[in-house]
Structures are given as structure tokens and as C-alpha cells.
Amino acid sequence: SNVTKNNFVKVVPNGLDLYEMTDVSKDLFETEYPFLKNRKFVLNVARVERRKNQKLLVQACKELDMPVVVVGKIWDKKYYEEILNIGYKECYFLGPIYNQKLLFSAYKSCSVFALPSTLETPGIAAMEAAFYNVPIVITRNGGTNLYFEDKAYYVDWRNMQEIKLPKNSVRFSLMKKNYTVSIKHSTVIHFS
């Protein structure tokens, strides 16, 4: 592309600390949060604010009767209260998780990682989830497709039907089977 040929601009991709991410078990998360043990759930790791769009995600999960776990600091108290007013009893706000091994264990425990933000570039949390072979549902706005290519399910952040679609999508099931090798390979090539 023209950007990479420009002498004044250097593209520096986001990366992951692969050393820290190895040797992680889902048992750590399930011991800390036993009510999620052996359960399917959607995971969202992000600040709780309008741009991250947890409200629509929680509404979609409520309609699907799929538990949703939100990990992250509440940045917008009013928005958080709007989400609580949805009244979904299977929505769990865990706050921020500062223990990296515990956070990585959460990725291994979830069924789907969702980040239907208004914009992402691409979201370190989504990259971490992808490393653990977790299906990704992510906004199509921003540079997400440059990282995940055909390895994620891209959604319009305003469209709850698109956010809900992956649960029954044939494409989504096929995507899960070929996920690990492609993302781990890309992660090592682009980010080591």
C-alpha cells in the first residue's frame, strides 16, 4: 500500500506477549467464578462505555438466552445503569481483571468473544481471544479486517440481528474449525 511506501510513516502492528499467554488453563477462571463453570457464555473485555456497545450486546444475548460476561472498568456510569435496566439476569459485570493469567483463562472458558464496538483498531482483547481459538464477533468499523481477515464474524454495531446471527450461522461453525492455526500463525508472523 502507499502508506507503507511512505518514508515518513512506519506501520507498527499491535502485538501480543505470546510467552505470557502460554500454559493457561480455563480452570483458573472457573475456580474464581464457579457460577460460570462448564457453561457457554459470551465474553466482552472492554471499558464499559457507549463506544464499546455493550448495551446492544447484552440485549442480543438476552434475546438468545445466552449468558454474557463483561470484564472491564466502568467508564460511563450512566451507560452502565442503562445496561442494568435491561434487566438481564444472565449478564455478569466482573469489573477489570488485572491478573493476566486469570484474564487469559477467561478467554479459554468462553464460547464466543464479542466486541461490537462503534470502532476498533483491532482490539488487543480480541487478538488475545483469537490466540485461544475463540470465535470472534467484532465490529466491521476500523481496521479489524486487516488483522482477522476471514477469521472473524464482522457485524454492524447498530444491528442487533447481525450480532445475534453467529449462534446459528453455518459460516461461523466452519470458521471455528480453522481458527487456531491461522490466527496463531498470523500472530507470530506479524507480532513477534
N, C-alpha and C. Protein backbone atom coordinates (compact mmCIF):
# COMPACT_ATOMS: atom_id res chain seq x y z
N SER A 1 0.84 -1.19 0.00
CA SER A 1 0.00 0.00 0.00
C SER A 1 0.87 1.24 0.00
N ASN A 2 0.30 2.37 -0.35
CA ASN A 2 1.03 3.63 -0.39
C ASN A 2 1.53 4.06 0.98
N VAL A 3 0.80 3.71 2.01
CA VAL A 3 1.20 4.12 3.36
C VAL A 3 2.53 3.49 3.74
N THR A 4 2.72 2.21 3.46
CA THR A 4 3.95 1.54 3.85
C THR A 4 5.14 1.97 3.00
N LYS A 5 4.90 2.56 1.83
CA LYS A 5 5.99 3.03 0.97
C LYS A 5 6.42 4.45 1.32
N ASN A 6 5.64 5.12 2.13
CA ASN A 6 5.93 6.49 2.53
C ASN A 6 7.11 6.49 3.49
N ASN A 7 8.12 7.31 3.21
CA ASN A 7 9.31 7.35 4.05
C ASN A 7 9.06 7.99 5.42
N PHE A 8 7.95 8.68 5.56
CA PHE A 8 7.66 9.39 6.80
C PHE A 8 6.73 8.61 7.72
N VAL A 9 6.20 7.51 7.24
CA VAL A 9 5.24 6.74 8.02
C VAL A 9 5.76 5.31 8.18
N LYS A 10 5.72 4.81 9.39
CA LYS A 10 6.09 3.42 9.65
C LYS A 10 4.90 2.74 10.31
N VAL A 11 4.42 1.65 9.73
CA VAL A 11 3.30 0.91 10.28
C VAL A 11 3.84 -0.04 11.34
N VAL A 12 3.31 0.06 12.56
CA VAL A 12 3.71 -0.80 13.66
C VAL A 12 2.46 -1.53 14.13
N PRO A 13 2.32 -2.82 13.78
CA PRO A 13 1.12 -3.56 14.17
C PRO A 13 1.04 -3.77 15.68
N ASN A 14 -0.18 -3.95 16.16
CA ASN A 14 -0.37 -4.34 17.56
C ASN A 14 0.19 -5.73 17.74
N GLY A 15 0.54 -6.06 18.96
CA GLY A 15 1.10 -7.38 19.20
C GLY A 15 0.68 -7.98 20.52
N LEU A 16 1.07 -9.21 20.72
CA LEU A 16 0.74 -9.96 21.92
C LEU A 16 2.01 -10.51 22.55
N ASP A 17 2.00 -10.67 23.84
CA ASP A 17 3.11 -11.29 24.54
C ASP A 17 2.84 -12.78 24.61
N LEU A 18 3.30 -13.51 23.60
CA LEU A 18 2.99 -14.93 23.49
C LEU A 18 3.55 -15.73 24.66
N TYR A 19 4.66 -15.30 25.21
CA TYR A 19 5.26 -16.01 26.34
C TYR A 19 4.30 -16.03 27.53
N GLU A 20 3.69 -14.89 27.82
CA GLU A 20 2.75 -14.79 28.94
C GLU A 20 1.46 -15.56 28.69
N MET A 21 1.14 -15.80 27.43
CA MET A 21 -0.16 -16.38 27.08
C MET A 21 -0.16 -17.90 27.05
N THR A 22 0.99 -18.51 27.13
CA THR A 22 1.05 -19.97 27.10
C THR A 22 0.84 -20.53 28.49
N ASP A 23 0.59 -21.80 28.56
CA ASP A 23 0.42 -22.51 29.82
C ASP A 23 -0.68 -21.90 30.69
N VAL A 24 -1.85 -21.71 30.08
CA VAL A 24 -3.01 -21.16 30.78
C VAL A 24 -4.14 -22.19 30.71
N SER A 25 -4.80 -22.39 31.82
CA SER A 25 -5.92 -23.33 31.89
C SER A 25 -7.21 -22.57 32.18
N LYS A 26 -8.33 -23.06 31.65
CA LYS A 26 -9.61 -22.43 31.96
C LYS A 26 -10.02 -22.67 33.40
N ASP A 27 -9.37 -23.63 34.06
CA ASP A 27 -9.69 -23.94 35.46
C ASP A 27 -9.51 -22.74 36.38
N LEU A 28 -8.53 -21.90 36.10
CA LEU A 28 -8.27 -20.74 36.94
C LEU A 28 -9.49 -19.81 36.98
N PHE A 29 -10.05 -19.51 35.82
CA PHE A 29 -11.23 -18.65 35.74
C PHE A 29 -12.44 -19.33 36.37
N GLU A 30 -12.62 -20.59 36.07
CA GLU A 30 -13.80 -21.30 36.57
C GLU A 30 -13.73 -21.54 38.08
N THR A 31 -12.55 -21.55 38.65
CA THR A 31 -12.41 -21.63 40.11
C THR A 31 -12.76 -20.29 40.74
N GLU A 32 -12.32 -19.22 40.11
CA GLU A 32 -12.60 -17.87 40.61
C GLU A 32 -14.08 -17.51 40.46
N TYR A 33 -14.71 -17.98 39.39
CA TYR A 33 -16.11 -17.68 39.09
C TYR A 33 -16.87 -19.00 38.86
N PRO A 34 -17.12 -19.76 39.93
CA PRO A 34 -17.69 -21.11 39.78
C PRO A 34 -19.08 -21.12 39.14
N PHE A 35 -19.82 -20.02 39.19
CA PHE A 35 -21.15 -19.99 38.56
C PHE A 35 -21.06 -20.05 37.04
N LEU A 36 -19.86 -19.90 36.48
CA LEU A 36 -19.66 -19.99 35.03
C LEU A 36 -19.03 -21.33 34.61
N LYS A 37 -18.71 -22.16 35.57
CA LYS A 37 -18.04 -23.43 35.25
C LYS A 37 -18.91 -24.28 34.33
N ASN A 38 -18.29 -24.77 33.26
CA ASN A 38 -18.93 -25.64 32.28
C ASN A 38 -20.17 -25.02 31.63
N ARG A 39 -20.20 -23.71 31.53
CA ARG A 39 -21.33 -23.02 30.89
C ARG A 39 -20.85 -22.33 29.63
N LYS A 40 -21.72 -22.26 28.64
CA LYS A 40 -21.44 -21.47 27.45
C LYS A 40 -21.80 -20.03 27.75
N PHE A 41 -20.90 -19.11 27.36
CA PHE A 41 -21.19 -17.69 27.56
C PHE A 41 -20.40 -16.85 26.57
N VAL A 42 -20.92 -15.64 26.36
CA VAL A 42 -20.26 -14.66 25.52
C VAL A 42 -19.40 -13.79 26.42
N LEU A 43 -18.17 -13.53 26.00
CA LEU A 43 -17.26 -12.70 26.77
C LEU A 43 -17.00 -11.39 26.04
N ASN A 44 -17.03 -10.30 26.79
CA ASN A 44 -16.67 -8.98 26.28
C ASN A 44 -15.64 -8.41 27.24
N VAL A 45 -14.47 -8.06 26.74
CA VAL A 45 -13.43 -7.44 27.57
C VAL A 45 -13.18 -6.06 27.01
N ALA A 46 -13.66 -5.05 27.74
CA ALA A 46 -13.55 -3.66 27.27
C ALA A 46 -14.03 -2.72 28.37
N ARG A 47 -13.62 -1.47 28.25
CA ARG A 47 -14.20 -0.45 29.12
C ARG A 47 -15.70 -0.42 28.89
N VAL A 48 -16.45 -0.19 29.94
CA VAL A 48 -17.91 -0.10 29.80
C VAL A 48 -18.23 1.36 29.45
N GLU A 49 -18.54 1.56 28.16
CA GLU A 49 -18.85 2.89 27.63
C GLU A 49 -19.59 2.71 26.31
N ARG A 50 -20.22 3.76 25.86
CA ARG A 50 -21.05 3.70 24.65
C ARG A 50 -20.28 3.19 23.43
N ARG A 51 -19.05 3.62 23.26
CA ARG A 51 -18.28 3.22 22.08
C ARG A 51 -18.09 1.71 22.00
N LYS A 52 -18.07 1.05 23.14
CA LYS A 52 -17.86 -0.41 23.15
C LYS A 52 -19.16 -1.17 22.95
N ASN A 53 -20.31 -0.49 23.06
CA ASN A 53 -21.61 -1.03 22.63
C ASN A 53 -22.08 -2.26 23.41
N GLN A 54 -21.75 -2.33 24.69
CA GLN A 54 -22.20 -3.48 25.48
C GLN A 54 -23.73 -3.53 25.61
N LYS A 55 -24.39 -2.39 25.55
CA LYS A 55 -25.84 -2.38 25.71
C LYS A 55 -26.52 -3.23 24.64
N LEU A 56 -26.15 -3.02 23.39
CA LEU A 56 -26.75 -3.82 22.32
C LEU A 56 -26.33 -5.28 22.42
N LEU A 57 -25.10 -5.51 22.84
CA LEU A 57 -24.63 -6.89 23.02
C LEU A 57 -25.46 -7.59 24.09
N VAL A 58 -25.71 -6.93 25.21
CA VAL A 58 -26.50 -7.54 26.29
C VAL A 58 -27.93 -7.79 25.81
N GLN A 59 -28.50 -6.86 25.07
CA GLN A 59 -29.85 -7.06 24.53
C GLN A 59 -29.88 -8.28 23.61
N ALA A 60 -28.87 -8.41 22.76
CA ALA A 60 -28.80 -9.56 21.84
C ALA A 60 -28.67 -10.86 22.62
N CYS A 61 -27.82 -10.88 23.63
CA CYS A 61 -27.63 -12.09 24.43
C CYS A 61 -28.90 -12.44 25.20
N LYS A 62 -29.61 -11.43 25.66
CA LYS A 62 -30.88 -11.68 26.36
C LYS A 62 -31.87 -12.37 25.42
N GLU A 63 -31.97 -11.88 24.19
CA GLU A 63 -32.89 -12.49 23.22
C GLU A 63 -32.46 -13.92 22.88
N LEU A 64 -31.17 -14.19 22.91
CA LEU A 64 -30.66 -15.54 22.62
C LEU A 64 -30.67 -16.44 23.85
N ASP A 65 -30.94 -15.86 25.01
CA ASP A 65 -30.85 -16.57 26.28
C ASP A 65 -29.45 -17.15 26.46
N MET A 66 -28.44 -16.32 26.17
CA MET A 66 -27.03 -16.70 26.26
C MET A 66 -26.37 -15.80 27.30
N PRO A 67 -25.79 -16.36 28.34
CA PRO A 67 -25.11 -15.53 29.34
C PRO A 67 -24.02 -14.67 28.70
N VAL A 68 -23.84 -13.48 29.24
CA VAL A 68 -22.79 -12.58 28.77
C VAL A 68 -22.00 -12.08 29.97
N VAL A 69 -20.68 -12.13 29.83
CA VAL A 69 -19.77 -11.71 30.88
C VAL A 69 -18.99 -10.50 30.36
N VAL A 70 -19.03 -9.42 31.12
CA VAL A 70 -18.32 -8.20 30.74
C VAL A 70 -17.18 -7.99 31.74
N VAL A 71 -15.98 -7.91 31.20
CA VAL A 71 -14.79 -7.67 32.01
C VAL A 71 -14.25 -6.29 31.61
N GLY A 72 -14.17 -5.39 32.56
CA GLY A 72 -13.63 -4.07 32.27
C GLY A 72 -14.14 -3.03 33.25
N LYS A 73 -13.42 -1.93 33.27
CA LYS A 73 -13.76 -0.82 34.16
C LYS A 73 -14.98 -0.07 33.63
N ILE A 74 -15.82 0.36 34.54
CA ILE A 74 -16.98 1.16 34.17
C ILE A 74 -16.53 2.61 34.00
N TRP A 75 -16.50 3.07 32.74
CA TRP A 75 -16.07 4.43 32.43
C TRP A 75 -17.25 5.39 32.37
N ASP A 76 -18.41 4.85 32.05
CA ASP A 76 -19.60 5.69 31.89
C ASP A 76 -20.70 5.09 32.78
N LYS A 77 -20.84 5.66 33.97
CA LYS A 77 -21.78 5.14 34.97
C LYS A 77 -23.22 5.17 34.45
N LYS A 78 -23.60 6.23 33.75
CA LYS A 78 -24.97 6.34 33.22
C LYS A 78 -25.22 5.22 32.20
N TYR A 79 -24.26 4.98 31.33
CA TYR A 79 -24.39 3.91 30.33
C TYR A 79 -24.50 2.55 31.02
N TYR A 80 -23.68 2.33 32.03
CA TYR A 80 -23.73 1.09 32.81
C TYR A 80 -25.12 0.88 33.40
N GLU A 81 -25.69 1.93 33.94
CA GLU A 81 -27.04 1.84 34.52
C GLU A 81 -28.08 1.53 33.44
N GLU A 82 -27.91 2.07 32.24
CA GLU A 82 -28.81 1.74 31.13
C GLU A 82 -28.75 0.24 30.82
N ILE A 83 -27.55 -0.31 30.89
CA ILE A 83 -27.39 -1.75 30.63
C ILE A 83 -28.07 -2.55 31.74
N LEU A 84 -27.89 -2.14 32.97
CA LEU A 84 -28.54 -2.84 34.08
C LEU A 84 -30.05 -2.79 33.95
N ASN A 85 -30.57 -1.68 33.43
CA ASN A 85 -32.03 -1.52 33.27
C ASN A 85 -32.62 -2.48 32.23
N ILE A 86 -31.78 -3.11 31.44
CA ILE A 86 -32.27 -4.13 30.50
C ILE A 86 -32.87 -5.29 31.31
N GLY A 87 -32.34 -5.49 32.50
CA GLY A 87 -32.89 -6.50 33.39
C GLY A 87 -32.54 -7.93 33.02
N TYR A 88 -31.37 -8.12 32.42
CA TYR A 88 -30.97 -9.48 32.05
C TYR A 88 -30.19 -10.11 33.20
N LYS A 89 -30.76 -11.13 33.78
CA LYS A 89 -30.17 -11.76 34.97
C LYS A 89 -28.93 -12.60 34.64
N GLU A 90 -28.70 -12.88 33.37
CA GLU A 90 -27.52 -13.65 32.96
C GLU A 90 -26.42 -12.74 32.41
N CYS A 91 -26.45 -11.49 32.80
CA CYS A 91 -25.38 -10.54 32.45
C CYS A 91 -24.55 -10.31 33.70
N TYR A 92 -23.25 -10.59 33.57
CA TYR A 92 -22.35 -10.52 34.72
C TYR A 92 -21.25 -9.50 34.45
N PHE A 93 -21.19 -8.46 35.28
CA PHE A 93 -20.12 -7.47 35.21
C PHE A 93 -19.09 -7.85 36.26
N LEU A 94 -17.90 -8.23 35.82
CA LEU A 94 -16.86 -8.69 36.74
C LEU A 94 -15.88 -7.58 37.11
N GLY A 95 -15.99 -6.42 36.47
CA GLY A 95 -15.01 -5.36 36.70
C GLY A 95 -13.73 -5.70 35.97
N PRO A 96 -12.69 -4.91 36.16
CA PRO A 96 -11.42 -5.22 35.49
C PRO A 96 -10.75 -6.44 36.13
N ILE A 97 -10.07 -7.21 35.31
CA ILE A 97 -9.26 -8.33 35.81
C ILE A 97 -7.80 -7.97 35.52
N TYR A 98 -7.06 -7.70 36.58
CA TYR A 98 -5.67 -7.27 36.43
C TYR A 98 -4.69 -8.44 36.38
N ASN A 99 -5.10 -9.59 36.87
CA ASN A 99 -4.27 -10.78 36.82
C ASN A 99 -4.32 -11.33 35.39
N GLN A 100 -3.22 -11.22 34.67
CA GLN A 100 -3.20 -11.62 33.25
C GLN A 100 -3.55 -13.09 33.05
N LYS A 101 -3.04 -13.96 33.90
CA LYS A 101 -3.34 -15.39 33.75
C LYS A 101 -4.84 -15.64 33.93
N LEU A 102 -5.47 -14.94 34.88
CA LEU A 102 -6.91 -15.08 35.10
C LEU A 102 -7.69 -14.58 33.88
N LEU A 103 -7.25 -13.46 33.31
CA LEU A 103 -7.90 -12.92 32.12
C LEU A 103 -7.74 -13.89 30.94
N PHE A 104 -6.55 -14.42 30.75
CA PHE A 104 -6.34 -15.37 29.66
C PHE A 104 -7.18 -16.63 29.87
N SER A 105 -7.35 -17.02 31.11
CA SER A 105 -8.18 -18.17 31.44
C SER A 105 -9.64 -17.89 31.08
N ALA A 106 -10.08 -16.63 31.24
CA ALA A 106 -11.45 -16.25 30.86
C ALA A 106 -11.67 -16.46 29.37
N TYR A 107 -10.67 -16.09 28.55
CA TYR A 107 -10.78 -16.31 27.11
C TYR A 107 -10.95 -17.80 26.80
N LYS A 108 -10.18 -18.63 27.49
CA LYS A 108 -10.25 -20.07 27.24
C LYS A 108 -11.59 -20.65 27.68
N SER A 109 -12.25 -20.00 28.63
CA SER A 109 -13.51 -20.52 29.17
C SER A 109 -14.73 -20.13 28.34
N CYS A 110 -14.65 -19.03 27.62
CA CYS A 110 -15.84 -18.54 26.93
C CYS A 110 -16.12 -19.30 25.64
N SER A 111 -17.35 -19.17 25.16
CA SER A 111 -17.76 -19.81 23.90
C SER A 111 -17.53 -18.88 22.72
N VAL A 112 -17.74 -17.59 22.95
CA VAL A 112 -17.61 -16.57 21.91
C VAL A 112 -17.07 -15.30 22.56
N PHE A 113 -16.18 -14.61 21.85
CA PHE A 113 -15.73 -13.30 22.28
C PHE A 113 -16.41 -12.27 21.39
N ALA A 114 -17.05 -11.26 21.98
CA ALA A 114 -17.77 -10.26 21.20
C ALA A 114 -17.28 -8.86 21.53
N LEU A 115 -17.03 -8.10 20.48
CA LEU A 115 -16.60 -6.71 20.61
C LEU A 115 -17.28 -5.90 19.49
N PRO A 116 -18.60 -5.69 19.62
CA PRO A 116 -19.35 -4.99 18.57
C PRO A 116 -19.30 -3.47 18.71
N SER A 117 -18.12 -2.95 18.88
CA SER A 117 -17.91 -1.51 19.13
C SER A 117 -18.27 -0.66 17.92
N THR A 118 -18.37 0.63 18.16
CA THR A 118 -18.60 1.55 17.05
C THR A 118 -17.35 1.63 16.17
N LEU A 119 -16.18 1.34 16.75
CA LEU A 119 -14.90 1.37 16.03
C LEU A 119 -13.88 0.57 16.81
N GLU A 120 -13.07 -0.22 16.13
CA GLU A 120 -11.96 -0.93 16.76
C GLU A 120 -10.74 -0.92 15.85
N THR A 121 -9.56 -0.97 16.48
CA THR A 121 -8.32 -0.94 15.69
C THR A 121 -7.23 -1.91 16.20
N PRO A 122 -7.36 -3.16 16.27
CA PRO A 122 -8.49 -4.06 16.16
C PRO A 122 -9.04 -4.49 17.50
N GLY A 123 -8.39 -4.11 18.58
CA GLY A 123 -8.79 -4.55 19.91
C GLY A 123 -7.84 -5.63 20.39
N ILE A 124 -6.95 -5.27 21.31
CA ILE A 124 -5.99 -6.24 21.85
C ILE A 124 -6.75 -7.43 22.46
N ALA A 125 -7.85 -7.14 23.15
CA ALA A 125 -8.62 -8.22 23.77
C ALA A 125 -9.10 -9.22 22.72
N ALA A 126 -9.54 -8.74 21.58
CA ALA A 126 -9.98 -9.65 20.51
C ALA A 126 -8.81 -10.47 19.98
N MET A 127 -7.65 -9.87 19.88
CA MET A 127 -6.47 -10.62 19.44
C MET A 127 -6.10 -11.69 20.46
N GLU A 128 -6.21 -11.35 21.75
CA GLU A 128 -5.91 -12.33 22.78
C GLU A 128 -6.90 -13.49 22.72
N ALA A 129 -8.17 -13.19 22.56
CA ALA A 129 -9.19 -14.24 22.45
C ALA A 129 -8.92 -15.12 21.24
N ALA A 130 -8.56 -14.51 20.13
CA ALA A 130 -8.27 -15.27 18.91
C ALA A 130 -7.10 -16.24 19.12
N PHE A 131 -6.13 -15.82 19.89
CA PHE A 131 -4.99 -16.69 20.18
C PHE A 131 -5.45 -18.01 20.81
N TYR A 132 -6.51 -17.95 21.60
CA TYR A 132 -7.03 -19.14 22.28
C TYR A 132 -8.11 -19.86 21.48
N ASN A 133 -8.19 -19.56 20.20
CA ASN A 133 -9.12 -20.27 19.31
C ASN A 133 -10.57 -19.99 19.65
N VAL A 134 -10.84 -18.79 20.14
CA VAL A 134 -12.21 -18.40 20.47
C VAL A 134 -12.81 -17.70 19.26
N PRO A 135 -14.00 -18.08 18.84
CA PRO A 135 -14.66 -17.38 17.75
C PRO A 135 -14.87 -15.91 18.11
N ILE A 136 -14.62 -15.04 17.15
CA ILE A 136 -14.68 -13.60 17.38
C ILE A 136 -15.86 -13.00 16.63
N VAL A 137 -16.67 -12.23 17.35
CA VAL A 137 -17.72 -11.41 16.75
C VAL A 137 -17.26 -9.98 17.00
N ILE A 138 -17.01 -9.22 15.93
CA ILE A 138 -16.39 -7.91 16.09
C ILE A 138 -16.95 -6.92 15.06
N THR A 139 -16.85 -5.66 15.41
CA THR A 139 -17.31 -4.61 14.50
C THR A 139 -16.55 -4.66 13.18
N ARG A 140 -17.21 -4.26 12.13
CA ARG A 140 -16.51 -4.15 10.85
C ARG A 140 -15.92 -2.75 10.68
N ASN A 141 -16.17 -1.85 11.64
CA ASN A 141 -15.67 -0.47 11.55
C ASN A 141 -14.28 -0.37 12.17
N GLY A 142 -13.35 0.11 11.39
CA GLY A 142 -11.97 0.24 11.83
C GLY A 142 -11.08 -0.72 11.06
N GLY A 143 -9.99 -1.10 11.65
CA GLY A 143 -9.04 -1.97 10.96
C GLY A 143 -9.14 -3.43 11.33
N THR A 144 -10.27 -3.87 11.84
CA THR A 144 -10.38 -5.25 12.30
C THR A 144 -10.13 -6.28 11.21
N ASN A 145 -10.61 -6.01 10.01
CA ASN A 145 -10.44 -6.98 8.92
C ASN A 145 -8.98 -7.14 8.51
N LEU A 146 -8.14 -6.15 8.77
CA LEU A 146 -6.72 -6.25 8.45
C LEU A 146 -6.02 -7.26 9.35
N TYR A 147 -6.54 -7.47 10.52
CA TYR A 147 -5.96 -8.43 11.46
C TYR A 147 -6.59 -9.80 11.37
N PHE A 148 -7.91 -9.83 11.33
CA PHE A 148 -8.61 -11.11 11.42
C PHE A 148 -8.99 -11.70 10.07
N GLU A 149 -8.90 -10.90 9.01
CA GLU A 149 -9.22 -11.35 7.65
C GLU A 149 -10.54 -12.13 7.66
N ASP A 150 -10.54 -13.39 7.24
CA ASP A 150 -11.79 -14.17 7.22
C ASP A 150 -11.95 -15.02 8.49
N LYS A 151 -11.22 -14.70 9.52
CA LYS A 151 -11.24 -15.49 10.76
C LYS A 151 -12.16 -14.91 11.83
N ALA A 152 -12.97 -13.93 11.48
CA ALA A 152 -13.90 -13.34 12.45
C ALA A 152 -15.25 -13.13 11.79
N TYR A 153 -16.25 -12.94 12.61
CA TYR A 153 -17.59 -12.63 12.12
C TYR A 153 -17.79 -11.14 12.34
N TYR A 154 -17.87 -10.38 11.25
CA TYR A 154 -17.97 -8.92 11.31
C TYR A 154 -19.41 -8.47 11.35
N VAL A 155 -19.69 -7.51 12.25
CA VAL A 155 -21.06 -7.04 12.43
C VAL A 155 -21.15 -5.53 12.32
N ASP A 156 -22.33 -5.07 11.94
CA ASP A 156 -22.67 -3.66 12.00
C ASP A 156 -23.05 -3.39 13.46
N TRP A 157 -22.34 -2.51 14.11
CA TRP A 157 -22.53 -2.28 15.54
C TRP A 157 -23.94 -1.79 15.88
N ARG A 158 -24.68 -1.33 14.90
CA ARG A 158 -26.05 -0.83 15.14
C ARG A 158 -27.10 -1.92 14.94
N ASN A 159 -26.69 -3.09 14.47
CA ASN A 159 -27.65 -4.11 14.04
C ASN A 159 -27.64 -5.32 14.98
N MET A 160 -28.63 -5.39 15.86
CA MET A 160 -28.70 -6.49 16.82
C MET A 160 -28.85 -7.83 16.11
N GLN A 161 -29.56 -7.87 14.98
CA GLN A 161 -29.73 -9.14 14.27
C GLN A 161 -28.39 -9.70 13.81
N GLU A 162 -27.49 -8.84 13.36
CA GLU A 162 -26.15 -9.30 12.96
C GLU A 162 -25.36 -9.80 14.16
N ILE A 163 -25.50 -9.12 15.29
CA ILE A 163 -24.79 -9.55 16.49
C ILE A 163 -25.31 -10.91 16.95
N LYS A 164 -26.58 -11.17 16.77
CA LYS A 164 -27.19 -12.44 17.17
C LYS A 164 -26.92 -13.57 16.19
N LEU A 165 -26.70 -13.28 14.92
CA LEU A 165 -26.61 -14.28 13.86
C LEU A 165 -25.59 -15.39 14.09
N PRO A 166 -24.40 -15.12 14.62
CA PRO A 166 -23.40 -16.17 14.69
C PRO A 166 -23.83 -17.43 15.42
N LYS A 167 -24.73 -17.34 16.36
CA LYS A 167 -25.11 -18.53 17.13
C LYS A 167 -25.59 -19.66 16.22
N ASN A 168 -26.28 -19.34 15.15
CA ASN A 168 -26.82 -20.37 14.27
C ASN A 168 -26.20 -20.36 12.87
N SER A 169 -25.10 -19.67 12.71
CA SER A 169 -24.51 -19.48 11.39
C SER A 169 -23.62 -20.65 10.99
N VAL A 170 -23.85 -21.19 9.80
CA VAL A 170 -23.00 -22.25 9.27
C VAL A 170 -21.59 -21.73 9.06
N ARG A 171 -21.47 -20.54 8.51
CA ARG A 171 -20.15 -19.95 8.28
C ARG A 171 -19.38 -19.84 9.60
N PHE A 172 -20.07 -19.47 10.66
CA PHE A 172 -19.43 -19.32 11.96
C PHE A 172 -18.90 -20.66 12.46
N SER A 173 -19.66 -21.74 12.26
CA SER A 173 -19.22 -23.07 12.68
C SER A 173 -18.00 -23.51 11.90
N LEU A 174 -17.98 -23.26 10.61
CA LEU A 174 -16.83 -23.62 9.79
C LEU A 174 -15.61 -22.80 10.18
N MET A 175 -15.83 -21.53 10.48
CA MET A 175 -14.74 -20.64 10.86
C MET A 175 -14.04 -21.17 12.11
N LYS A 176 -14.79 -21.69 13.06
CA LYS A 176 -14.22 -22.17 14.31
C LYS A 176 -13.21 -23.29 14.07
N LYS A 177 -13.45 -24.14 13.09
CA LYS A 177 -12.59 -25.30 12.87
C LYS A 177 -11.20 -24.92 12.38
N ASN A 178 -11.07 -23.85 11.63
CA ASN A 178 -9.79 -23.48 11.05
C ASN A 178 -9.15 -22.28 11.73
N TYR A 179 -9.58 -21.96 12.90
CA TYR A 179 -9.20 -20.71 13.53
C TYR A 179 -7.80 -20.71 14.11
N THR A 180 -7.46 -21.69 14.89
CA THR A 180 -6.24 -21.66 15.67
C THR A 180 -4.99 -21.50 14.81
N VAL A 181 -4.83 -22.35 13.84
CA VAL A 181 -3.61 -22.32 13.04
C VAL A 181 -3.43 -20.98 12.36
N SER A 182 -4.50 -20.47 11.76
CA SER A 182 -4.39 -19.22 11.03
C SER A 182 -4.05 -18.04 11.93
N ILE A 183 -4.77 -17.89 13.02
CA ILE A 183 -4.53 -16.74 13.89
C ILE A 183 -3.19 -16.86 14.58
N LYS A 184 -2.84 -18.03 15.09
CA LYS A 184 -1.55 -18.17 15.77
C LYS A 184 -0.42 -17.92 14.79
N HIS A 185 -0.56 -18.42 13.57
CA HIS A 185 0.45 -18.21 12.55
C HIS A 185 0.58 -16.70 12.25
N SER A 186 -0.54 -16.03 12.06
CA SER A 186 -0.52 -14.60 11.78
C SER A 186 0.05 -13.81 12.95
N THR A 187 -0.31 -14.22 14.15
CA THR A 187 0.16 -13.51 15.33
C THR A 187 1.67 -13.59 15.42
N VAL A 188 2.22 -14.78 15.21
CA VAL A 188 3.66 -14.95 15.29
C VAL A 188 4.36 -14.17 14.19
N ILE A 189 3.85 -14.24 12.97
CA ILE A 189 4.48 -13.54 11.86
C ILE A 189 4.43 -12.03 12.05
N HIS A 190 3.26 -11.52 12.39
CA HIS A 190 3.10 -10.06 12.46
C HIS A 190 3.61 -9.44 13.75
N PHE A 191 3.66 -10.21 14.83
CA PHE A 191 3.83 -9.56 16.11
C PHE A 191 5.02 -10.05 16.94
N SER A 192 5.82 -10.97 16.45
CA SER A 192 6.91 -11.45 17.30
C SER A 192 8.15 -10.59 17.14
